[in-house]
């Protein structure tokens, strides 16, 4: 099974949420953090938290999950 980059994740909370949903749906995936211990995460804030890799056949489903995670995050951070 070939894995490819599907999406860049913005932060660790988004990564945890996406991973949880992917695991619940039994979607094969690998999360790859951009954190570089040599630079103490200096560039991680510029490039995003990391990326989700998965088979291309799951691309649309994963992108929907990431989009939903971002929509929910935006709703919880909007001032009332």
PDB file of N, CA and C in Angstrom:
ATOM      1  N   UNK A   1       0.849  -1.171   0.000  1.00  0.00           N
ATOM      2  CA  UNK A   1       0.000   0.000   0.000  1.00  0.00           C
ATOM      3  C   UNK A   1       0.897   1.236   0.000  1.00  0.00           C
ATOM      4  N   UNK A   2       0.740   2.082  -1.017  1.00  0.00           N
ATOM      5  CA  UNK A   2       1.530   3.304  -1.121  1.00  0.00           C
ATOM      6  C   UNK A   2       0.840   4.446  -0.385  1.00  0.00           C
ATOM      7  N   UNK A   3       1.613   5.142   0.425  1.00  0.00           N
ATOM      8  CA  UNK A   3       1.105   6.287   1.168  1.00  0.00           C
ATOM      9  C   UNK A   3       1.625   7.558   0.505  1.00  0.00           C
ATOM     10  N   UNK A   4       0.798   8.582   0.501  1.00  0.00           N
ATOM     11  CA  UNK A   4       1.202   9.876  -0.022  1.00  0.00           C
ATOM     12  C   UNK A   4       0.689  10.968   0.901  1.00  0.00           C
ATOM     13  N   UNK A   5       1.270  12.154   0.748  1.00  0.00           N
ATOM     14  CA  UNK A   5       0.843  13.304   1.551  1.00  0.00           C
ATOM     15  C   UNK A   5      -0.572  13.689   1.141  1.00  0.00           C
ATOM     16  N   UNK A   6      -1.464  13.734   2.128  1.00  0.00           N
ATOM     17  CA  UNK A   6      -2.859  14.080   1.871  1.00  0.00           C
ATOM     18  C   UNK A   6      -3.159  15.510   2.315  1.00  0.00           C
ATOM     19  N   UNK A   7      -2.697  15.883   3.509  1.00  0.00           N
ATOM     20  CA  UNK A   7      -3.003  17.220   4.031  1.00  0.00           C
ATOM     21  C   UNK A   7      -1.963  17.645   5.053  1.00  0.00           C
ATOM     22  N   UNK A   8      -1.783  18.956   5.176  1.00  0.00           N
ATOM     23  CA  UNK A   8      -0.943  19.531   6.224  1.00  0.00           C
ATOM     24  C   UNK A   8      -1.856  19.867   7.394  1.00  0.00           C
ATOM     25  N   UNK A   9      -1.440  19.467   8.588  1.00  0.00           N
ATOM     26  CA  UNK A   9      -2.222  19.717   9.800  1.00  0.00           C
ATOM     27  C   UNK A   9      -1.647  20.935  10.515  1.00  0.00           C
ATOM     28  N   UNK A  10      -2.525  21.767  11.052  1.00  0.00           N
ATOM     29  CA  UNK A  10      -2.108  23.045  11.623  1.00  0.00           C
ATOM     30  C   UNK A  10      -1.503  22.956  13.019  1.00  0.00           C
ATOM     31  N   UNK A  11      -1.996  22.045  13.849  1.00  0.00           N
ATOM     32  CA  UNK A  11      -1.515  21.992  15.227  1.00  0.00           C
ATOM     33  C   UNK A  11      -1.735  20.599  15.810  1.00  0.00           C
ATOM     34  N   UNK A  12      -1.231  20.386  17.017  1.00  0.00           N
ATOM     35  CA  UNK A  12      -1.306  19.053  17.616  1.00  0.00           C
ATOM     36  C   UNK A  12      -2.734  18.644  17.980  1.00  0.00           C
ATOM     37  N   UNK A  13      -3.584  19.590  18.323  1.00  0.00           N
ATOM     38  CA  UNK A  13      -4.977  19.249  18.647  1.00  0.00           C
ATOM     39  C   UNK A  13      -5.698  18.763  17.394  1.00  0.00           C
ATOM     40  N   UNK A  14      -5.494  19.469  16.298  1.00  0.00           N
ATOM     41  CA  UNK A  14      -6.080  19.035  15.029  1.00  0.00           C
ATOM     42  C   UNK A  14      -5.545  17.654  14.651  1.00  0.00           C
ATOM     43  N   UNK A  15      -4.262  17.432  14.842  1.00  0.00           N
ATOM     44  CA  UNK A  15      -3.656  16.141  14.520  1.00  0.00           C
ATOM     45  C   UNK A  15      -4.260  15.021  15.364  1.00  0.00           C
ATOM     46  N   UNK A  16      -4.456  15.266  16.648  1.00  0.00           N
ATOM     47  CA  UNK A  16      -5.045  14.256  17.526  1.00  0.00           C
ATOM     48  C   UNK A  16      -6.478  13.947  17.126  1.00  0.00           C
ATOM     49  N   UNK A  17      -7.251  14.976  16.797  1.00  0.00           N
ATOM     50  CA  UNK A  17      -8.642  14.772  16.386  1.00  0.00           C
ATOM     51  C   UNK A  17      -8.707  13.965  15.091  1.00  0.00           C
ATOM     52  N   UNK A  18      -7.930  14.373  14.102  1.00  0.00           N
ATOM     53  CA  UNK A  18      -7.932  13.681  12.807  1.00  0.00           C
ATOM     54  C   UNK A  18      -7.492  12.233  12.985  1.00  0.00           C
ATOM     55  N   UNK A  19      -6.437  12.006  13.753  1.00  0.00           N
ATOM     56  CA  UNK A  19      -5.965  10.637  13.982  1.00  0.00           C
ATOM     57  C   UNK A  19      -7.040   9.788  14.646  1.00  0.00           C
ATOM     58  N   UNK A  20      -7.748  10.362  15.599  1.00  0.00           N
ATOM     59  CA  UNK A  20      -8.806   9.629  16.295  1.00  0.00           C
ATOM     60  C   UNK A  20      -9.915   9.205  15.333  1.00  0.00           C
ATOM     61  N   UNK A  21     -10.341  10.125  14.477  1.00  0.00           N
ATOM     62  CA  UNK A  21     -11.399   9.807  13.513  1.00  0.00           C
ATOM     63  C   UNK A  21     -10.910   8.762  12.513  1.00  0.00           C
ATOM     64  N   UNK A  22      -9.681   8.915  12.037  1.00  0.00           N
ATOM     65  CA  UNK A  22      -9.139   7.949  11.074  1.00  0.00           C
ATOM     66  C   UNK A  22      -9.052   6.554  11.692  1.00  0.00           C
ATOM     67  N   UNK A  23      -8.646   6.484  12.942  1.00  0.00           N
ATOM     68  CA  UNK A  23      -8.575   5.192  13.625  1.00  0.00           C
ATOM     69  C   UNK A  23      -9.965   4.600  13.812  1.00  0.00           C
ATOM     70  N   UNK A  24     -10.935   5.430  14.195  1.00  0.00           N
ATOM     71  CA  UNK A  24     -12.315   4.950  14.368  1.00  0.00           C
ATOM     72  C   UNK A  24     -12.879   4.382  13.074  1.00  0.00           C
ATOM     73  N   UNK A  25     -12.486   4.975  11.957  1.00  0.00           N
ATOM     74  CA  UNK A  25     -12.990   4.529  10.649  1.00  0.00           C
ATOM     75  C   UNK A  25     -12.088   3.486   9.989  1.00  0.00           C
ATOM     76  N   UNK A  26     -11.051   3.060  10.698  1.00  0.00           N
ATOM     77  CA  UNK A  26     -10.091   2.062  10.194  1.00  0.00           C
ATOM     78  C   UNK A  26      -9.448   2.495   8.880  1.00  0.00           C
ATOM     79  N   UNK A  27      -9.121   3.768   8.788  1.00  0.00           N
ATOM     80  CA  UNK A  27      -8.444   4.294   7.604  1.00  0.00           C
ATOM     81  C   UNK A  27      -6.940   4.230   7.861  1.00  0.00           C
ATOM     82  N   UNK A  28      -6.204   3.537   7.013  1.00  0.00           N
ATOM     83  CA  UNK A  28      -4.757   3.457   7.210  1.00  0.00           C
ATOM     84  C   UNK A  28      -4.130   4.843   7.024  1.00  0.00           C
ATOM     85  N   UNK A  29      -3.257   5.218   7.940  1.00  0.00           N
ATOM     86  CA  UNK A  29      -2.644   6.539   7.880  1.00  0.00           C
ATOM     87  C   UNK A  29      -1.364   6.575   8.701  1.00  0.00           C
ATOM     88  N   UNK A  30      -0.560   7.592   8.442  1.00  0.00           N
ATOM     89  CA  UNK A  30       0.625   7.886   9.238  1.00  0.00           C
ATOM     90  C   UNK A  30       0.666   9.395   9.421  1.00  0.00           C
ATOM     91  N   UNK A  31       0.772   9.836  10.670  1.00  0.00           N
ATOM     92  CA  UNK A  31       0.958  11.260  10.937  1.00  0.00           C
ATOM     93  C   UNK A  31       2.452  11.518  11.036  1.00  0.00           C
ATOM     94  N   UNK A  32       2.913  12.539  10.338  1.00  0.00           N
ATOM     95  CA  UNK A  32       4.329  12.883  10.350  1.00  0.00           C
ATOM     96  C   UNK A  32       4.479  14.307  10.865  1.00  0.00           C
ATOM     97  N   UNK A  33       5.081  14.445  12.037  1.00  0.00           N
ATOM     98  CA  UNK A  33       5.287  15.764  12.627  1.00  0.00           C
ATOM     99  C   UNK A  33       6.470  16.456  11.953  1.00  0.00           C
ATOM    100  N   UNK A  34       6.371  17.767  11.793  1.00  0.00           N
ATOM    101  CA  UNK A  34       7.481  18.551  11.254  1.00  0.00           C
ATOM    102  C   UNK A  34       8.456  18.983  12.350  1.00  0.00           C
ATOM    103  N   UNK A  35       8.166  18.619  13.579  1.00  0.00           N
ATOM    104  CA  UNK A  35       9.019  19.050  14.689  1.00  0.00           C
ATOM    105  C   UNK A  35      10.440  18.531  14.505  1.00  0.00           C
ATOM    106  N   UNK A  36      11.387  19.416  14.653  1.00  0.00           N
ATOM    107  CA  UNK A  36      12.803  19.070  14.561  1.00  0.00           C
ATOM    108  C   UNK A  36      13.431  19.413  15.905  1.00  0.00           C
ATOM    109  N   UNK A  37      13.825  18.397  16.642  1.00  0.00           N
ATOM    110  CA  UNK A  37      14.365  18.635  17.983  1.00  0.00           C
ATOM    111  C   UNK A  37      15.638  19.466  17.949  1.00  0.00           C
ATOM    112  N   UNK A  38      16.358  19.434  16.850  1.00  0.00           N
ATOM    113  CA  UNK A  38      17.581  20.232  16.756  1.00  0.00           C
ATOM    114  C   UNK A  38      17.271  21.726  16.823  1.00  0.00           C
ATOM    115  N   UNK A  39      16.101  22.103  16.336  1.00  0.00           N
ATOM    116  CA  UNK A  39      15.708  23.513  16.345  1.00  0.00           C
ATOM    117  C   UNK A  39      14.583  23.791  17.329  1.00  0.00           C
ATOM    118  N   UNK A  40      14.274  22.832  18.186  1.00  0.00           N
ATOM    119  CA  UNK A  40      13.254  22.970  19.228  1.00  0.00           C
ATOM    120  C   UNK A  40      11.908  23.443  18.673  1.00  0.00           C
ATOM    121  N   UNK A  41      11.540  22.906  17.513  1.00  0.00           N
ATOM    122  CA  UNK A  41      10.237  23.228  16.937  1.00  0.00           C
ATOM    123  C   UNK A  41      10.138  24.605  16.315  1.00  0.00           C
ATOM    124  N   UNK A  42      11.265  25.280  16.110  1.00  0.00           N
ATOM    125  CA  UNK A  42      11.279  26.644  15.593  1.00  0.00           C
ATOM    126  C   UNK A  42      10.519  26.785  14.277  1.00  0.00           C
ATOM    127  N   UNK A  43      10.705  25.840  13.362  1.00  0.00           N
ATOM    128  CA  UNK A  43      10.084  25.953  12.042  1.00  0.00           C
ATOM    129  C   UNK A  43       8.707  25.313  11.984  1.00  0.00           C
ATOM    130  N   UNK A  44       8.313  24.623  13.022  1.00  0.00           N
ATOM    131  CA  UNK A  44       7.019  23.951  13.033  1.00  0.00           C
ATOM    132  C   UNK A  44       5.881  24.968  12.968  1.00  0.00           C
ATOM    133  N   UNK A  45       6.045  26.113  13.558  1.00  0.00           N
ATOM    134  CA  UNK A  45       4.980  27.118  13.524  1.00  0.00           C
ATOM    135  C   UNK A  45       4.827  27.728  12.138  1.00  0.00           C
ATOM    136  N   UNK A  46       5.877  27.695  11.332  1.00  0.00           N
ATOM    137  CA  UNK A  46       5.818  28.256   9.984  1.00  0.00           C
ATOM    138  C   UNK A  46       5.235  27.266   8.978  1.00  0.00           C
ATOM    139  N   UNK A  47       5.504  26.000   9.168  1.00  0.00           N
ATOM    140  CA  UNK A  47       5.118  24.984   8.188  1.00  0.00           C
ATOM    141  C   UNK A  47       3.875  24.205   8.591  1.00  0.00           C
ATOM    142  N   UNK A  48       3.349  24.433   9.773  1.00  0.00           N
ATOM    143  CA  UNK A  48       2.241  23.634  10.279  1.00  0.00           C
ATOM    144  C   UNK A  48       2.771  22.552  11.195  1.00  0.00           C
ATOM    145  N   UNK A  49       1.871  21.852  11.868  1.00  0.00           N
ATOM    146  CA  UNK A  49       2.269  20.816  12.814  1.00  0.00           C
ATOM    147  C   UNK A  49       2.946  19.654  12.110  1.00  0.00           C
ATOM    148  N   UNK A  50       2.374  19.260  10.989  1.00  0.00           N
ATOM    149  CA  UNK A  50       2.891  18.106  10.262  1.00  0.00           C
ATOM    150  C   UNK A  50       1.920  17.725   9.167  1.00  0.00           C
ATOM    151  N   UNK A  51       1.987  16.481   8.747  1.00  0.00           N
ATOM    152  CA  UNK A  51       1.119  16.056   7.655  1.00  0.00           C
ATOM    153  C   UNK A  51       0.535  14.686   7.929  1.00  0.00           C
ATOM    154  N   UNK A  52      -0.567  14.412   7.240  1.00  0.00           N
ATOM    155  CA  UNK A  52      -1.175  13.088   7.298  1.00  0.00           C
ATOM    156  C   UNK A  52      -0.906  12.421   5.954  1.00  0.00           C
ATOM    157  N   UNK A  53      -0.360  11.222   6.018  1.00  0.00           N
ATOM    158  CA  UNK A  53      -0.074  10.414   4.839  1.00  0.00           C
ATOM    159  C   UNK A  53      -1.007   9.218   4.842  1.00  0.00           C
ATOM    160  N   UNK A  54      -1.505   8.873   3.663  1.00  0.00           N
ATOM    161  CA  UNK A  54      -2.438   7.756   3.540  1.00  0.00           C
ATOM    162  C   UNK A  54      -2.507   7.334   2.076  1.00  0.00           C
ATOM    163  N   UNK A  55      -3.141   6.194   1.808  1.00  0.00           N
ATOM    164  CA  UNK A  55      -3.348   5.798   0.415  1.00  0.00           C
ATOM    165  C   UNK A  55      -4.228   6.827  -0.310  1.00  0.00           C
ATOM    166  N   UNK A  56      -3.935   7.064  -1.571  1.00  0.00           N
ATOM    167  CA  UNK A  56      -4.670   8.058  -2.363  1.00  0.00           C
ATOM    168  C   UNK A  56      -6.166   7.778  -2.407  1.00  0.00           C
ATOM    169  N   UNK A  57      -6.546   6.534  -2.297  1.00  0.00           N
ATOM    170  CA  UNK A  57      -7.971   6.179  -2.372  1.00  0.00           C
ATOM    171  C   UNK A  57      -8.781   6.762  -1.209  1.00  0.00           C
ATOM    172  N   UNK A  58      -8.112   7.189  -0.141  1.00  0.00           N
ATOM    173  CA  UNK A  58      -8.794   7.772   1.022  1.00  0.00           C
ATOM    174  C   UNK A  58      -8.726   9.299   1.030  1.00  0.00           C
ATOM    175  N   UNK A  59      -8.124   9.903   0.008  1.00  0.00           N
ATOM    176  CA  UNK A  59      -7.886  11.355  -0.022  1.00  0.00           C
ATOM    177  C   UNK A  59      -9.155  12.164   0.274  1.00  0.00           C
ATOM    178  N   UNK A  60     -10.207  11.942  -0.471  1.00  0.00           N
ATOM    179  CA  UNK A  60     -11.421  12.751  -0.301  1.00  0.00           C
ATOM    180  C   UNK A  60     -12.006  12.624   1.101  1.00  0.00           C
ATOM    181  N   UNK A  61     -12.041  11.416   1.625  1.00  0.00           N
ATOM    182  CA  UNK A  61     -12.595  11.203   2.967  1.00  0.00           C
ATOM    183  C   UNK A  61     -11.745  11.906   4.025  1.00  0.00           C
ATOM    184  N   UNK A  62     -10.429  11.817   3.882  1.00  0.00           N
ATOM    185  CA  UNK A  62      -9.536  12.455   4.856  1.00  0.00           C
ATOM    186  C   UNK A  62      -9.644  13.975   4.767  1.00  0.00           C
ATOM    187  N   UNK A  63      -9.709  14.507   3.563  1.00  0.00           N
ATOM    188  CA  UNK A  63      -9.848  15.957   3.417  1.00  0.00           C
ATOM    189  C   UNK A  63     -11.152  16.459   4.025  1.00  0.00           C
ATOM    190  N   UNK A  64     -12.212  15.667   3.931  1.00  0.00           N
ATOM    191  CA  UNK A  64     -13.474  16.029   4.587  1.00  0.00           C
ATOM    192  C   UNK A  64     -13.317  16.041   6.104  1.00  0.00           C
ATOM    193  N   UNK A  65     -12.587  15.067   6.645  1.00  0.00           N
ATOM    194  CA  UNK A  65     -12.357  14.989   8.090  1.00  0.00           C
ATOM    195  C   UNK A  65     -11.553  16.202   8.559  1.00  0.00           C
ATOM    196  N   UNK A  66     -10.498  16.552   7.822  1.00  0.00           N
ATOM    197  CA  UNK A  66      -9.673  17.714   8.175  1.00  0.00           C
ATOM    198  C   UNK A  66     -10.506  18.994   8.095  1.00  0.00           C
ATOM    199  N   UNK A  67     -11.305  19.112   7.057  1.00  0.00           N
ATOM    200  CA  UNK A  67     -12.173  20.285   6.902  1.00  0.00           C
ATOM    201  C   UNK A  67     -13.158  20.403   8.061  1.00  0.00           C
ATOM    202  N   UNK A  68     -13.737  19.292   8.463  1.00  0.00           N
ATOM    203  CA  UNK A  68     -14.676  19.288   9.592  1.00  0.00           C
ATOM    204  C   UNK A  68     -13.967  19.684  10.889  1.00  0.00           C
ATOM    205  N   UNK A  69     -12.751  19.195  11.089  1.00  0.00           N
ATOM    206  CA  UNK A  69     -11.982  19.546  12.286  1.00  0.00           C
ATOM    207  C   UNK A  69     -11.740  21.051  12.337  1.00  0.00           C
ATOM    208  N   UNK A  70     -11.410  21.630  11.201  1.00  0.00           N
ATOM    209  CA  UNK A  70     -11.142  23.072  11.148  1.00  0.00           C
ATOM    210  C   UNK A  70     -12.418  23.884  11.338  1.00  0.00           C
ATOM    211  N   UNK A  71     -13.518  23.402  10.789  1.00  0.00           N
ATOM    212  CA  UNK A  71     -14.794  24.092  10.959  1.00  0.00           C
ATOM    213  C   UNK A  71     -15.191  24.106  12.433  1.00  0.00           C
ATOM    214  N   UNK A  72     -15.044  22.954  13.094  1.00  0.00           N
ATOM    215  CA  UNK A  72     -15.388  22.873  14.516  1.00  0.00           C
ATOM    216  C   UNK A  72     -14.476  23.761  15.351  1.00  0.00           C
ATOM    217  N   UNK A  73     -13.199  23.802  15.009  1.00  0.00           N
ATOM    218  CA  UNK A  73     -12.258  24.649  15.747  1.00  0.00           C
ATOM    219  C   UNK A  73     -12.621  26.120  15.580  1.00  0.00           C
ATOM    220  N   UNK A  74     -13.024  26.509  14.387  1.00  0.00           N
ATOM    221  CA  UNK A  74     -13.412  27.902  14.137  1.00  0.00           C
ATOM    222  C   UNK A  74     -14.663  28.267  14.919  1.00  0.00           C
ATOM    223  N   UNK A  75     -15.595  27.341  15.017  1.00  0.00           N
ATOM    224  CA  UNK A  75     -16.830  27.605  15.764  1.00  0.00           C
ATOM    225  C   UNK A  75     -16.565  27.790  17.251  1.00  0.00           C
ATOM    226  N   UNK A  76     -15.620  27.044  17.790  1.00  0.00           N
ATOM    227  CA  UNK A  76     -15.348  27.135  19.226  1.00  0.00           C
ATOM    228  C   UNK A  76     -14.502  28.349  19.577  1.00  0.00           C
ATOM    229  N   UNK A  77     -13.830  28.944  18.583  1.00  0.00           N
ATOM    230  CA  UNK A  77     -12.988  30.107  18.876  1.00  0.00           C
ATOM    231  C   UNK A  77     -13.648  31.423  18.505  1.00  0.00           C
ATOM    232  N   UNK A  78     -14.819  31.375  17.883  1.00  0.00           N
ATOM    233  CA  UNK A  78     -15.521  32.606  17.526  1.00  0.00           C
ATOM    234  C   UNK A  78     -16.098  33.261  18.777  1.00  0.00           C
ATOM    235  N   UNK A  79     -15.907  34.576  18.902  1.00  0.00           N
ATOM    236  CA  UNK A  79     -16.507  35.271  20.052  1.00  0.00           C
ATOM    237  C   UNK A  79     -18.019  35.345  19.889  1.00  0.00           C
ATOM    238  N   UNK A  80     -18.707  35.324  20.993  1.00  0.00           N
ATOM    239  CA  UNK A  80     -20.177  35.378  20.962  1.00  0.00           C
ATOM    240  C   UNK A  80     -20.675  36.792  20.987  1.00  0.00           C
TER     241      UNK A  80
END
